[in-house]
Amino acid sequence: MLRKLLPHITIVMCLMYVVFFCIDRVNSAMAFIDNEITKWLLLALCLISIVDALWLIADERRKARRRQERLAAKKRAARAGSR
C-alpha cells in the first residue's frame, strides 16, 4: 500500500513547492520559502523521495535478476534438449 502511495505523495509535495515558489516570487512578504513549516516539509519530501528511489532501484534489480535467471534456465533447457 505504502509503495503505491509514496510516488503520489511525492508528486503532491513537489507541486506544493512549485506553488510556494511562485507565490513567494510574486509576494515575498508571505515568506512561504523562508518558513519553519516549509523547511520541515522539504525534509519530509527529501526523505520520501529517497525511500521511493530506493524501492524503485530494488524493484529494477529484482526484475533484472529474474530476467537473467529465466535466460539461464532457457539456455540450460536448450543444452539439455540438444544432447
Protein backbone atom coordinates (compact mmCIF):
# COMPACT_ATOMS: atom_id res chain seq x y z
CA MET A 1 0.00 0.00 0.00
CA LEU A 2 2.69 2.47 1.02
CA ARG A 3 4.77 1.56 -2.02
CA LYS A 4 1.91 2.63 -4.31
CA LEU A 5 1.06 5.73 -2.30
CA LEU A 6 4.59 7.12 -1.94
CA PRO A 7 5.05 8.36 -5.54
CA HIS A 8 1.72 10.19 -5.35
CA ILE A 9 2.72 11.89 -2.11
CA THR A 10 6.00 12.92 -3.71
CA ILE A 11 4.23 14.45 -6.70
CA VAL A 12 1.80 16.39 -4.49
CA MET A 13 4.60 17.72 -2.31
CA CYS A 14 6.67 18.76 -5.33
CA LEU A 15 3.69 20.61 -6.75
CA MET A 16 3.21 22.30 -3.39
CA TYR A 17 6.79 23.56 -3.57
CA VAL A 18 6.28 24.86 -7.10
CA VAL A 19 3.24 26.80 -5.89
CA PHE A 20 5.12 28.05 -2.83
CA PHE A 21 7.95 29.23 -5.04
CA CYS A 22 5.62 31.04 -7.45
CA ILE A 23 3.67 32.72 -4.66
CA ASP A 24 6.89 33.68 -2.90
CA ARG A 25 8.22 35.28 -6.11
CA VAL A 26 5.03 37.33 -6.54
CA ASN A 27 4.56 38.27 -2.89
CA SER A 28 7.72 37.80 -0.84
CA ALA A 29 6.02 39.21 2.26
CA MET A 30 4.15 35.92 2.64
CA ALA A 31 7.52 34.19 3.19
CA PHE A 32 6.47 30.73 2.05
CA ILE A 33 10.02 29.61 1.35
CA ASP A 34 11.60 31.06 4.50
CA ASN A 35 9.21 29.40 6.91
CA GLU A 36 9.75 26.72 9.57
CA ILE A 37 6.86 24.58 8.30
CA THR A 38 8.23 24.74 4.76
CA LYS A 39 11.62 23.55 5.97
CA TRP A 40 10.03 20.53 7.65
CA LEU A 41 8.01 19.81 4.52
CA LEU A 42 11.21 19.96 2.49
CA LEU A 43 12.84 17.44 4.84
CA ALA A 44 9.81 15.15 4.50
CA LEU A 45 9.90 15.49 0.71
CA CYS A 46 13.58 14.59 0.62
CA LEU A 47 13.11 11.53 2.84
CA ILE A 48 10.08 10.32 0.87
CA SER A 49 11.97 10.79 -2.40
CA ILE A 50 14.94 8.79 -1.11
CA VAL A 51 12.75 5.90 0.07
CA ASP A 52 10.81 5.94 -3.20
CA ALA A 53 14.03 5.90 -5.24
CA LEU A 54 15.47 3.03 -3.19
CA TRP A 55 12.31 0.98 -3.73
CA LEU A 56 12.47 1.68 -7.46
CA ILE A 57 16.13 0.64 -7.64
CA ALA A 58 15.40 -2.55 -5.67
CA ASP A 59 12.47 -3.42 -7.97
CA GLU A 60 14.56 -2.86 -11.10
CA ARG A 61 17.38 -5.03 -9.77
CA ARG A 62 14.91 -7.77 -8.82
CA LYS A 63 13.38 -7.68 -12.33
CA ALA A 64 16.83 -7.81 -13.95
CA ARG A 65 17.82 -10.76 -11.77
CA ARG A 66 14.62 -12.63 -12.74
CA ARG A 67 15.30 -11.95 -16.43
CA GLN A 68 18.82 -13.32 -16.10
CA GLU A 69 17.56 -16.40 -14.25
CA ARG A 70 14.94 -17.07 -16.95
CA LEU A 71 17.54 -16.65 -19.69
CA ALA A 72 19.94 -19.02 -17.91
CA ALA A 73 17.13 -21.58 -17.47
CA LYS A 74 16.30 -21.38 -21.19
CA LYS A 75 19.97 -21.90 -22.07
CA ARG A 76 20.18 -24.93 -19.74
CA ALA A 77 16.98 -26.34 -21.25
CA ALA A 78 18.29 -25.79 -24.78
CA ARG A 79 21.57 -27.54 -23.93
CA ALA A 80 19.73 -30.44 -22.28
CA GLY A 81 17.41 -30.77 -25.25
CA SER A 82 20.25 -30.82 -27.80
CA ARG A 83 22.03 -33.74 -26.10
